[in-house]
Amino acid sequence: PPGPAAARFLPQDVELLGQRVPAGSAMVFLVAAANRDDRQFDDPE
């Protein structure tokens, strides 16, 4: 993917994967990693 990541800001606390991510944090969504997740794609590499 030409754009490998997208970032967002958290205006409030978020519970994610059993952890608390505090308000005011920056979250980066690693699109390029997600696009090669074997939970979604067979033999993704």
All heavy atoms as atom14 arrays in JSON, in Angstrom:
{
  "sequence": "PPGPAAARFLPQDVELLGQRVPAGSAMVFLVAAANRDDRQFDDPE",
  "atom14_mask": [
    [1, 1, 1, 1, 1, 1, 1, 0, 0, 0, 0, 0, 0, 0],
    [1, 1, 1, 1, 1, 1, 1, 0, 0, 0, 0, 0, 0, 0],
    [1, 1, 1, 1, 0, 0, 0, 0, 0, 0, 0, 0, 0, 0],
    [1, 1, 1, 1, 1, 1, 1, 0, 0, 0, 0, 0, 0, 0],
    [1, 1, 1, 1, 1, 0, 0, 0, 0, 0, 0, 0, 0, 0],
    [1, 1, 1, 1, 1, 0, 0, 0, 0, 0, 0, 0, 0, 0],
    [1, 1, 1, 1, 1, 0, 0, 0, 0, 0, 0, 0, 0, 0],
    [1, 1, 1, 1, 1, 1, 1, 1, 1, 1, 1, 0, 0, 0],
    [1, 1, 1, 1, 1, 1, 1, 1, 1, 1, 1, 0, 0, 0],
    [1, 1, 1, 1, 1, 1, 1, 1, 0, 0, 0, 0, 0, 0],
    [1, 1, 1, 1, 1, 1, 1, 0, 0, 0, 0, 0, 0, 0],
    [1, 1, 1, 1, 1, 1, 1, 1, 1, 0, 0, 0, 0, 0],
    [1, 1, 1, 1, 1, 1, 1, 1, 0, 0, 0, 0, 0, 0],
    [1, 1, 1, 1, 1, 1, 1, 0, 0, 0, 0, 0, 0, 0],
    [1, 1, 1, 1, 1, 1, 1, 1, 1, 0, 0, 0, 0, 0],
    [1, 1, 1, 1, 1, 1, 1, 1, 0, 0, 0, 0, 0, 0],
    [1, 1, 1, 1, 1, 1, 1, 1, 0, 0, 0, 0, 0, 0],
    [1, 1, 1, 1, 0, 0, 0, 0, 0, 0, 0, 0, 0, 0],
    [1, 1, 1, 1, 1, 1, 1, 1, 1, 0, 0, 0, 0, 0],
    [1, 1, 1, 1, 1, 1, 1, 1, 1, 1, 1, 0, 0, 0],
    [1, 1, 1, 1, 1, 1, 1, 0, 0, 0, 0, 0, 0, 0],
    [1, 1, 1, 1, 1, 1, 1, 0, 0, 0, 0, 0, 0, 0],
    [1, 1, 1, 1, 1, 0, 0, 0, 0, 0, 0, 0, 0, 0],
    [1, 1, 1, 1, 0, 0, 0, 0, 0, 0, 0, 0, 0, 0],
    [1, 1, 1, 1, 1, 1, 0, 0, 0, 0, 0, 0, 0, 0],
    [1, 1, 1, 1, 1, 0, 0, 0, 0, 0, 0, 0, 0, 0],
    [1, 1, 1, 1, 1, 1, 1, 1, 0, 0, 0, 0, 0, 0],
    [1, 1, 1, 1, 1, 1, 1, 0, 0, 0, 0, 0, 0, 0],
    [1, 1, 1, 1, 1, 1, 1, 1, 1, 1, 1, 0, 0, 0],
    [1, 1, 1, 1, 1, 1, 1, 1, 0, 0, 0, 0, 0, 0],
    [1, 1, 1, 1, 1, 1, 1, 0, 0, 0, 0, 0, 0, 0],
    [1, 1, 1, 1, 1, 0, 0, 0, 0, 0, 0, 0, 0, 0],
    [1, 1, 1, 1, 1, 0, 0, 0, 0, 0, 0, 0, 0, 0],
    [1, 1, 1, 1, 1, 0, 0, 0, 0, 0, 0, 0, 0, 0],
    [1, 1, 1, 1, 1, 1, 1, 1, 0, 0, 0, 0, 0, 0],
    [1, 1, 1, 1, 1, 1, 1, 1, 1, 1, 1, 0, 0, 0],
    [1, 1, 1, 1, 1, 1, 1, 1, 0, 0, 0, 0, 0, 0],
    [1, 1, 1, 1, 1, 1, 1, 1, 0, 0, 0, 0, 0, 0],
    [1, 1, 1, 1, 1, 1, 1, 1, 1, 1, 1, 0, 0, 0],
    [1, 1, 1, 1, 1, 1, 1, 1, 1, 0, 0, 0, 0, 0],
    [1, 1, 1, 1, 1, 1, 1, 1, 1, 1, 1, 0, 0, 0],
    [1, 1, 1, 1, 1, 1, 1, 1, 0, 0, 0, 0, 0, 0],
    [1, 1, 1, 1, 1, 1, 1, 1, 0, 0, 0, 0, 0, 0],
    [1, 1, 1, 1, 1, 1, 1, 0, 0, 0, 0, 0, 0, 0],
    [1, 1, 1, 1, 1, 1, 1, 1, 1, 0, 0, 0, 0, 0]
  ],
  "atom14_positions": [
    [[0.82, -1.21, 0.0], [0.0, 0.0, 0.0], [0.85, 1.26, 0.0], [1.77, 1.39, 0.81], [-0.81, -0.12, 1.29], [-0.03, -1.04, 2.16], [0.67, -1.99, 1.25], [0.0, 0.0, 0.0], [0.0, 0.0, 0.0], [0.0, 0.0, 0.0], [0.0, 0.0, 0.0], [0.0, 0.0, 0.0], [0.0, 0.0, 0.0], [0.0, 0.0, 0.0]],
    [[0.57, 2.22, -0.89], [1.34, 3.47, -0.9], [1.24, 4.24, 0.42], [2.2, 4.9, 0.82], [0.69, 4.26, -2.05], [0.13, 3.21, -2.96], [-0.37, 2.15, -2.03], [0.0, 0.0, 0.0], [0.0, 0.0, 0.0], [0.0, 0.0, 0.0], [0.0, 0.0, 0.0], [0.0, 0.0, 0.0], [0.0, 0.0, 0.0], [0.0, 0.0, 0.0]],
    [[0.1, 4.16, 1.07], [-0.04, 4.78, 2.39], [-0.08, 3.7, 3.44], [-1.13, 3.1, 3.69], [0.0, 0.0, 0.0], [0.0, 0.0, 0.0], [0.0, 0.0, 0.0], [0.0, 0.0, 0.0], [0.0, 0.0, 0.0], [0.0, 0.0, 0.0], [0.0, 0.0, 0.0], [0.0, 0.0, 0.0], [0.0, 0.0, 0.0], [0.0, 0.0, 0.0]],
    [[1.06, 3.4, 4.1], [1.11, 2.22, 4.98], [0.46, 2.38, 6.34], [0.28, 1.4, 7.05], [2.62, 1.99, 5.15], [3.23, 3.34, 4.94], [2.37, 4.05, 3.94], [0.0, 0.0, 0.0], [0.0, 0.0, 0.0], [0.0, 0.0, 0.0], [0.0, 0.0, 0.0], [0.0, 0.0, 0.0], [0.0, 0.0, 0.0], [0.0, 0.0, 0.0]],
    [[0.1, 3.6, 6.72], [-0.46, 3.81, 8.06], [-1.38, 5.02, 8.06], [-1.25, 5.93, 7.25], [0.67, 4.01, 9.08], [0.0, 0.0, 0.0], [0.0, 0.0, 0.0], [0.0, 0.0, 0.0], [0.0, 0.0, 0.0], [0.0, 0.0, 0.0], [0.0, 0.0, 0.0], [0.0, 0.0, 0.0], [0.0, 0.0, 0.0], [0.0, 0.0, 0.0]],
    [[-2.32, 5.02, 9.0], [-3.21, 6.16, 9.23], [-3.29, 6.4, 10.72], [-3.38, 5.44, 11.51], [-4.61, 5.88, 8.67], [0.0, 0.0, 0.0], [0.0, 0.0, 0.0], [0.0, 0.0, 0.0], [0.0, 0.0, 0.0], [0.0, 0.0, 0.0], [0.0, 0.0, 0.0], [0.0, 0.0, 0.0], [0.0, 0.0, 0.0], [0.0, 0.0, 0.0]],
    [[-3.23, 7.64, 11.14], [-3.22, 7.97, 12.56], [-4.52, 8.66, 12.96], [-5.19, 9.31, 12.15], [-2.03, 8.87, 12.88], [0.0, 0.0, 0.0], [0.0, 0.0, 0.0], [0.0, 0.0, 0.0], [0.0, 0.0, 0.0], [0.0, 0.0, 0.0], [0.0, 0.0, 0.0], [0.0, 0.0, 0.0], [0.0, 0.0, 0.0], [0.0, 0.0, 0.0]],
    [[-4.88, 8.52, 14.22], [-6.07, 9.15, 14.79], [-5.76, 9.62, 16.21], [-4.82, 9.15, 16.85], [-7.26, 8.18, 14.81], [-7.73, 7.68, 13.45], [-8.41, 8.75, 12.65], [-9.03, 8.22, 11.44], [-8.42, 8.16, 10.26], [-7.17, 8.59, 10.12], [-9.06, 7.67, 9.21], [0.0, 0.0, 0.0], [0.0, 0.0, 0.0], [0.0, 0.0, 0.0]],
    [[-6.61, 10.5, 16.72], [-6.49, 11.04, 18.08], [-7.63, 10.5, 18.93], [-8.76, 10.36, 18.45], [-6.55, 12.57, 18.02], [-6.47, 13.25, 19.37], [-5.25, 13.45, 19.99], [-7.63, 13.69, 20.0], [-5.18, 14.08, 21.22], [-7.57, 14.32, 21.24], [-6.33, 14.52, 21.84], [0.0, 0.0, 0.0], [0.0, 0.0, 0.0], [0.0, 0.0, 0.0]],
    [[-7.34, 10.2, 20.2], [-8.35, 9.67, 21.11], [-8.88, 10.8, 22.0], [-8.14, 11.31, 22.86], [-7.78, 8.57, 22.0], [-7.74, 7.15, 21.43], [-6.79, 7.06, 20.25], [-7.37, 6.15, 22.51], [0.0, 0.0, 0.0], [0.0, 0.0, 0.0], [0.0, 0.0, 0.0], [0.0, 0.0, 0.0], [0.0, 0.0, 0.0], [0.0, 0.0, 0.0]],
    [[-10.14, 11.22, 21.82], [-10.7, 12.26, 22.68], [-11.12, 11.74, 24.06], [-11.39, 12.52, 24.96], [-11.92, 12.75, 21.89], [-12.34, 11.56, 21.1], [-11.08, 10.81, 20.76], [0.0, 0.0, 0.0], [0.0, 0.0, 0.0], [0.0, 0.0, 0.0], [0.0, 0.0, 0.0], [0.0, 0.0, 0.0], [0.0, 0.0, 0.0], [0.0, 0.0, 0.0]],
    [[-11.17, 10.42, 24.19], [-11.55, 9.8, 25.47], [-10.84, 8.47, 25.61], [-10.28, 7.95, 24.64], [-13.07, 9.58, 25.5], [-13.57, 8.71, 24.35], [-15.06, 8.82, 24.12], [-15.68, 9.79, 24.53], [-15.63, 7.82, 23.47], [0.0, 0.0, 0.0], [0.0, 0.0, 0.0], [0.0, 0.0, 0.0], [0.0, 0.0, 0.0], [0.0, 0.0, 0.0]],
    [[-10.84, 7.91, 26.82], [-10.21, 6.61, 27.04], [-10.89, 5.56, 26.16], [-12.09, 5.6, 25.91], [-10.37, 6.18, 28.51], [-9.52, 7.01, 29.46], [-8.82, 7.93, 28.99], [-9.59, 6.76, 30.67], [0.0, 0.0, 0.0], [0.0, 0.0, 0.0], [0.0, 0.0, 0.0], [0.0, 0.0, 0.0], [0.0, 0.0, 0.0], [0.0, 0.0, 0.0]],
    [[-10.07, 4.6, 25.72], [-10.58, 3.48, 24.93], [-10.06, 2.19, 25.54], [-8.88, 2.09, 25.89], [-10.13, 3.59, 23.45], [-10.44, 2.3, 22.7], [-10.82, 4.77, 22.78], [0.0, 0.0, 0.0], [0.0, 0.0, 0.0], [0.0, 0.0, 0.0], [0.0, 0.0, 0.0], [0.0, 0.0, 0.0], [0.0, 0.0, 0.0], [0.0, 0.0, 0.0]],
    [[-10.94, 1.2, 25.68], [-10.53, -0.13, 26.1], [-10.29, -0.96, 24.83], [-11.19, -1.11, 24.01], [-11.62, -0.79, 26.94], [-11.8, -0.17, 28.31], [-10.58, -0.35, 29.22], [-9.94, -1.43, 29.13], [-10.27, 0.58, 29.99], [0.0, 0.0, 0.0], [0.0, 0.0, 0.0], [0.0, 0.0, 0.0], [0.0, 0.0, 0.0], [0.0, 0.0, 0.0]],
    [[-9.08, -1.46, 24.7], [-8.71, -2.17, 23.48], [-7.78, -3.32, 23.82], [-6.75, -3.12, 24.48], [-8.03, -1.2, 22.51], [-7.63, -1.74, 21.13], [-8.85, -2.23, 20.36], [-6.88, -0.68, 20.34], [0.0, 0.0, 0.0], [0.0, 0.0, 0.0], [0.0, 0.0, 0.0], [0.0, 0.0, 0.0], [0.0, 0.0, 0.0], [0.0, 0.0, 0.0]],
    [[-8.15, -4.51, 23.39], [-7.34, -5.71, 23.61], [-6.96, -5.87, 25.08], [-5.82, -6.22, 25.42], [-6.08, -5.66, 22.72], [-6.36, -5.69, 21.2], [-5.07, -5.47, 20.41], [-6.98, -7.04, 20.8], [0.0, 0.0, 0.0], [0.0, 0.0, 0.0], [0.0, 0.0, 0.0], [0.0, 0.0, 0.0], [0.0, 0.0, 0.0], [0.0, 0.0, 0.0]],
    [[-7.92, -5.59, 25.95], [-7.71, -5.78, 27.38], [-6.9, -4.7, 28.05], [-6.53, -4.84, 29.23], [0.0, 0.0, 0.0], [0.0, 0.0, 0.0], [0.0, 0.0, 0.0], [0.0, 0.0, 0.0], [0.0, 0.0, 0.0], [0.0, 0.0, 0.0], [0.0, 0.0, 0.0], [0.0, 0.0, 0.0], [0.0, 0.0, 0.0], [0.0, 0.0, 0.0]],
    [[-6.61, -3.62, 27.34], [-5.83, -2.53, 27.91], [-6.58, -1.22, 27.76], [-7.43, -1.06, 26.89], [-4.47, -2.41, 27.21], [-3.58, -3.64, 27.31], [-2.24, -3.44, 26.64], [-1.54, -2.49, 26.92], [-1.9, -4.34, 25.74], [0.0, 0.0, 0.0], [0.0, 0.0, 0.0], [0.0, 0.0, 0.0], [0.0, 0.0, 0.0], [0.0, 0.0, 0.0]],
    [[-6.23, -0.27, 28.63], [-6.81, 1.07, 28.53], [-5.83, 1.97, 27.79], [-4.67, 2.11, 28.16], [-7.07, 1.65, 29.93], [-7.74, 3.05, 29.89], [-7.93, 3.59, 31.3], [-6.65, 3.92, 31.91], [-6.04, 5.11, 31.77], [-6.59, 6.08, 31.06], [-4.88, 5.33, 32.37], [0.0, 0.0, 0.0], [0.0, 0.0, 0.0], [0.0, 0.0, 0.0]],
    [[-6.32, 2.59, 26.72], [-5.53, 3.59, 26.0], [-6.08, 4.95, 26.42], [-7.27, 5.23, 26.19], [-5.63, 3.41, 24.48], [-4.75, 4.42, 23.76], [-5.26, 1.98, 24.08], [0.0, 0.0, 0.0], [0.0, 0.0, 0.0], [0.0, 0.0, 0.0], [0.0, 0.0, 0.0], [0.0, 0.0, 0.0], [0.0, 0.0, 0.0], [0.0, 0.0, 0.0]],
    [[-5.27, 5.8, 27.04], [-5.82, 7.02, 27.66], [-6.2, 8.09, 26.65], [-5.64, 8.18, 25.56], [-4.67, 7.5, 28.55], [-3.44, 6.93, 27.94], [-3.84, 5.62, 27.34], [0.0, 0.0, 0.0], [0.0, 0.0, 0.0], [0.0, 0.0, 0.0], [0.0, 0.0, 0.0], [0.0, 0.0, 0.0], [0.0, 0.0, 0.0], [0.0, 0.0, 0.0]],
    [[-7.17, 8.91, 27.04], [-7.54, 10.07, 26.23], [-6.32, 10.94, 25.96], [-5.43, 11.05, 26.82], [-8.62, 10.88, 26.96], [0.0, 0.0, 0.0], [0.0, 0.0, 0.0], [0.0, 0.0, 0.0], [0.0, 0.0, 0.0], [0.0, 0.0, 0.0], [0.0, 0.0, 0.0], [0.0, 0.0, 0.0], [0.0, 0.0, 0.0], [0.0, 0.0, 0.0]],
    [[-6.29, 11.53, 24.79], [-5.15, 12.36, 24.41], [-4.06, 11.61, 23.68], [-3.08, 12.21, 23.23], [0.0, 0.0, 0.0], [0.0, 0.0, 0.0], [0.0, 0.0, 0.0], [0.0, 0.0, 0.0], [0.0, 0.0, 0.0], [0.0, 0.0, 0.0], [0.0, 0.0, 0.0], [0.0, 0.0, 0.0], [0.0, 0.0, 0.0], [0.0, 0.0, 0.0]],
    [[-4.22, 10.29, 23.55], [-3.21, 9.49, 22.86], [-3.36, 9.59, 21.35], [-4.42, 9.93, 20.82], [-3.33, 8.01, 23.27], [-3.09, 7.84, 24.64], [0.0, 0.0, 0.0], [0.0, 0.0, 0.0], [0.0, 0.0, 0.0], [0.0, 0.0, 0.0], [0.0, 0.0, 0.0], [0.0, 0.0, 0.0], [0.0, 0.0, 0.0], [0.0, 0.0, 0.0]],
    [[-2.28, 9.26, 20.66], [-2.31, 9.08, 19.21], [-2.29, 7.59, 18.92], [-1.5, 6.84, 19.51], [-1.11, 9.76, 18.56], [0.0, 0.0, 0.0], [0.0, 0.0, 0.0], [0.0, 0.0, 0.0], [0.0, 0.0, 0.0], [0.0, 0.0, 0.0], [0.0, 0.0, 0.0], [0.0, 0.0, 0.0], [0.0, 0.0, 0.0], [0.0, 0.0, 0.0]],
    [[-3.17, 7.16, 18.02], [-3.23, 5.76, 17.6], [-2.88, 5.67, 16.13], [-3.44, 6.4, 15.3], [-4.63, 5.2, 17.83], [-4.82, 3.76, 17.35], [-3.86, 2.57, 18.33], [-4.82, 2.57, 19.86], [0.0, 0.0, 0.0], [0.0, 0.0, 0.0], [0.0, 0.0, 0.0], [0.0, 0.0, 0.0], [0.0, 0.0, 0.0], [0.0, 0.0, 0.0]],
    [[-1.96, 4.77, 15.8], [-1.57, 4.54, 14.41], [-2.13, 3.19, 13.96], [-1.87, 2.17, 14.6], [-0.04, 4.56, 14.24], [0.34, 4.26, 12.8], [0.52, 5.92, 14.65], [0.0, 0.0, 0.0], [0.0, 0.0, 0.0], [0.0, 0.0, 0.0], [0.0, 0.0, 0.0], [0.0, 0.0, 0.0], [0.0, 0.0, 0.0], [0.0, 0.0, 0.0]],
    [[-2.91, 3.22, 12.92], [-3.45, 2.0, 12.33], [-2.51, 1.56, 11.21], [-2.39, 2.25, 10.19], [-4.86, 2.23, 11.81], [-5.84, 2.59, 12.88], [-6.29, 3.9, 13.02], [-6.29, 1.64, 13.77], [-7.18, 4.24, 14.02], [-7.18, 1.97, 14.79], [-7.62, 3.27, 14.91], [0.0, 0.0, 0.0], [0.0, 0.0, 0.0], [0.0, 0.0, 0.0]],
    [[-1.83, 0.43, 11.43], [-0.82, -0.04, 10.48], [-1.49, -0.83, 9.36], [-1.58, -2.05, 9.38], [0.22, -0.9, 11.21], [1.09, -0.13, 12.21], [1.98, -1.09, 13.01], [1.94, 0.91, 11.5], [0.0, 0.0, 0.0], [0.0, 0.0, 0.0], [0.0, 0.0, 0.0], [0.0, 0.0, 0.0], [0.0, 0.0, 0.0], [0.0, 0.0, 0.0]],
    [[-1.96, -0.08, 8.4], [-2.69, -0.66, 7.27], [-1.86, -1.7, 6.54], [-2.36, -2.77, 6.16], [-3.14, 0.47, 6.32], [-3.64, -0.08, 5.0], [-4.2, 1.34, 6.99], [0.0, 0.0, 0.0], [0.0, 0.0, 0.0], [0.0, 0.0, 0.0], [0.0, 0.0, 0.0], [0.0, 0.0, 0.0], [0.0, 0.0, 0.0], [0.0, 0.0, 0.0]],
    [[-0.59, -1.4, 6.32], [0.27, -2.34, 5.59], [0.44, -3.65, 6.36], [0.57, -4.72, 5.76], [1.63, -1.71, 5.32], [0.0, 0.0, 0.0], [0.0, 0.0, 0.0], [0.0, 0.0, 0.0], [0.0, 0.0, 0.0], [0.0, 0.0, 0.0], [0.0, 0.0, 0.0], [0.0, 0.0, 0.0], [0.0, 0.0, 0.0], [0.0, 0.0, 0.0]],
    [[0.44, -3.59, 7.68], [0.5, -4.81, 8.48], [-0.82, -5.55, 8.42], [-0.86, -6.79, 8.29], [0.86, -4.47, 9.92], [0.0, 0.0, 0.0], [0.0, 0.0, 0.0], [0.0, 0.0, 0.0], [0.0, 0.0, 0.0], [0.0, 0.0, 0.0], [0.0, 0.0, 0.0], [0.0, 0.0, 0.0], [0.0, 0.0, 0.0], [0.0, 0.0, 0.0]],
    [[-1.92, -4.82, 8.52], [-3.24, -5.44, 8.47], [-3.49, -6.16, 7.15], [-4.12, -7.22, 7.11], [-4.31, -4.37, 8.69], [0.0, 0.0, 0.0], [0.0, 0.0, 0.0], [0.0, 0.0, 0.0], [0.0, 0.0, 0.0], [0.0, 0.0, 0.0], [0.0, 0.0, 0.0], [0.0, 0.0, 0.0], [0.0, 0.0, 0.0], [0.0, 0.0, 0.0]],
    [[-2.98, -5.58, 6.07], [-3.16, -6.18, 4.75], [-2.41, -7.5, 4.57], [-2.61, -8.19, 3.57], [-2.71, -5.2, 3.66], [-3.74, -4.15, 3.34], [-4.86, -4.19, 3.83], [-3.37, -3.18, 2.53], [0.0, 0.0, 0.0], [0.0, 0.0, 0.0], [0.0, 0.0, 0.0], [0.0, 0.0, 0.0], [0.0, 0.0, 0.0], [0.0, 0.0, 0.0]],
    [[-1.54, -7.82, 5.53], [-0.83, -9.1, 5.48], [-1.11, -9.95, 6.72], [-0.29, -10.77, 7.14], [0.67, -8.87, 5.31], [1.05, -8.19, 4.0], [2.49, -8.44, 3.65], [2.92, -7.69, 2.48], [4.09, -7.88, 1.87], [4.94, -8.79, 2.33], [4.42, -7.16, 0.82], [0.0, 0.0, 0.0], [0.0, 0.0, 0.0], [0.0, 0.0, 0.0]],
    [[-2.29, -9.78, 7.26], [-2.7, -10.54, 8.44], [-3.26, -11.88, 8.0], [-4.24, -11.94, 7.24], [-3.74, -9.74, 9.21], [-4.1, -10.37, 10.56], [-3.69, -11.52, 10.81], [-4.82, -9.71, 11.33], [0.0, 0.0, 0.0], [0.0, 0.0, 0.0], [0.0, 0.0, 0.0], [0.0, 0.0, 0.0], [0.0, 0.0, 0.0], [0.0, 0.0, 0.0]],
    [[-2.66, -12.98, 8.48], [-3.14, -14.3, 8.04], [-4.48, -14.67, 8.66], [-5.08, -15.69, 8.31], [-2.1, -15.39, 8.32], [-1.73, -15.52, 9.78], [-2.41, -14.93, 10.64], [-0.74, -16.22, 10.07], [0.0, 0.0, 0.0], [0.0, 0.0, 0.0], [0.0, 0.0, 0.0], [0.0, 0.0, 0.0], [0.0, 0.0, 0.0], [0.0, 0.0, 0.0]],
    [[-5.0, -13.84, 9.56], [-6.36, -14.03, 10.05], [-7.39, -13.6, 9.0], [-8.55, -14.01, 9.07], [-6.58, -13.24, 11.33], [-5.68, -13.66, 12.5], [-5.6, -12.58, 13.57], [-4.61, -12.93, 14.57], [-3.29, -12.75, 14.43], [-2.82, -12.22, 13.31], [-2.46, -13.1, 15.38], [0.0, 0.0, 0.0], [0.0, 0.0, 0.0], [0.0, 0.0, 0.0]],
    [[-6.94, -12.78, 8.06], [-7.83, -12.26, 7.02], [-7.52, -12.84, 5.65], [-8.43, -13.04, 4.84], [-7.7, -10.72, 6.97], [-8.55, -10.03, 5.91], [-10.03, -10.05, 6.25], [-10.4, -10.33, 7.4], [-10.88, -9.76, 5.27], [0.0, 0.0, 0.0], [0.0, 0.0, 0.0], [0.0, 0.0, 0.0], [0.0, 0.0, 0.0], [0.0, 0.0, 0.0]],
    [[-6.25, -13.12, 5.38], [-5.83, -13.56, 4.05], [-5.02, -14.86, 4.16], [-4.18, -15.0, 5.05], [-4.95, -12.5, 3.37], [-5.59, -11.15, 3.26], [-5.27, -10.13, 4.15], [-6.53, -10.89, 2.27], [-5.87, -8.88, 4.05], [-7.13, -9.64, 2.16], [-6.8, -8.64, 3.06], [0.0, 0.0, 0.0], [0.0, 0.0, 0.0], [0.0, 0.0, 0.0]],
    [[-5.26, -15.78, 3.24], [-4.46, -17.0, 3.17], [-3.08, -16.68, 2.6], [-2.98, -16.0, 1.57], [-5.15, -18.03, 2.29], [-6.44, -18.56, 2.9], [-6.54, -18.57, 4.15], [-7.35, -18.93, 2.13], [0.0, 0.0, 0.0], [0.0, 0.0, 0.0], [0.0, 0.0, 0.0], [0.0, 0.0, 0.0], [0.0, 0.0, 0.0], [0.0, 0.0, 0.0]],
    [[-2.04, -17.18, 3.27], [-0.66, -16.99, 2.8], [-0.43, -15.54, 2.38], [-0.07, -15.25, 1.23], [-0.4, -17.94, 1.62], [1.08, -18.1, 1.32], [1.91, -17.59, 2.09], [1.4, -18.71, 0.27], [0.0, 0.0, 0.0], [0.0, 0.0, 0.0], [0.0, 0.0, 0.0], [0.0, 0.0, 0.0], [0.0, 0.0, 0.0], [0.0, 0.0, 0.0]],
    [[-0.61, -14.59, 3.3], [-0.65, -13.17, 2.93], [0.67, -12.6, 2.45], [0.68, -11.56, 1.78], [-1.09, -12.48, 4.21], [-0.65, -13.4, 5.3], [-0.81, -14.77, 4.75], [0.0, 0.0, 0.0], [0.0, 0.0, 0.0], [0.0, 0.0, 0.0], [0.0, 0.0, 0.0], [0.0, 0.0, 0.0], [0.0, 0.0, 0.0], [0.0, 0.0, 0.0]],
    [[1.81, -13.25, 2.77], [3.1, -12.74, 2.32], [3.37, -13.07, 0.85], [4.34, -12.6, 0.27], [4.23, -13.3, 3.19], [4.1, -13.03, 4.67], [4.34, -11.58, 5.04], [4.79, -10.81, 4.17], [4.07, -11.2, 6.2], [0.0, 0.0, 0.0], [0.0, 0.0, 0.0], [0.0, 0.0, 0.0], [0.0, 0.0, 0.0], [0.0, 0.0, 0.0]]
  ]
}
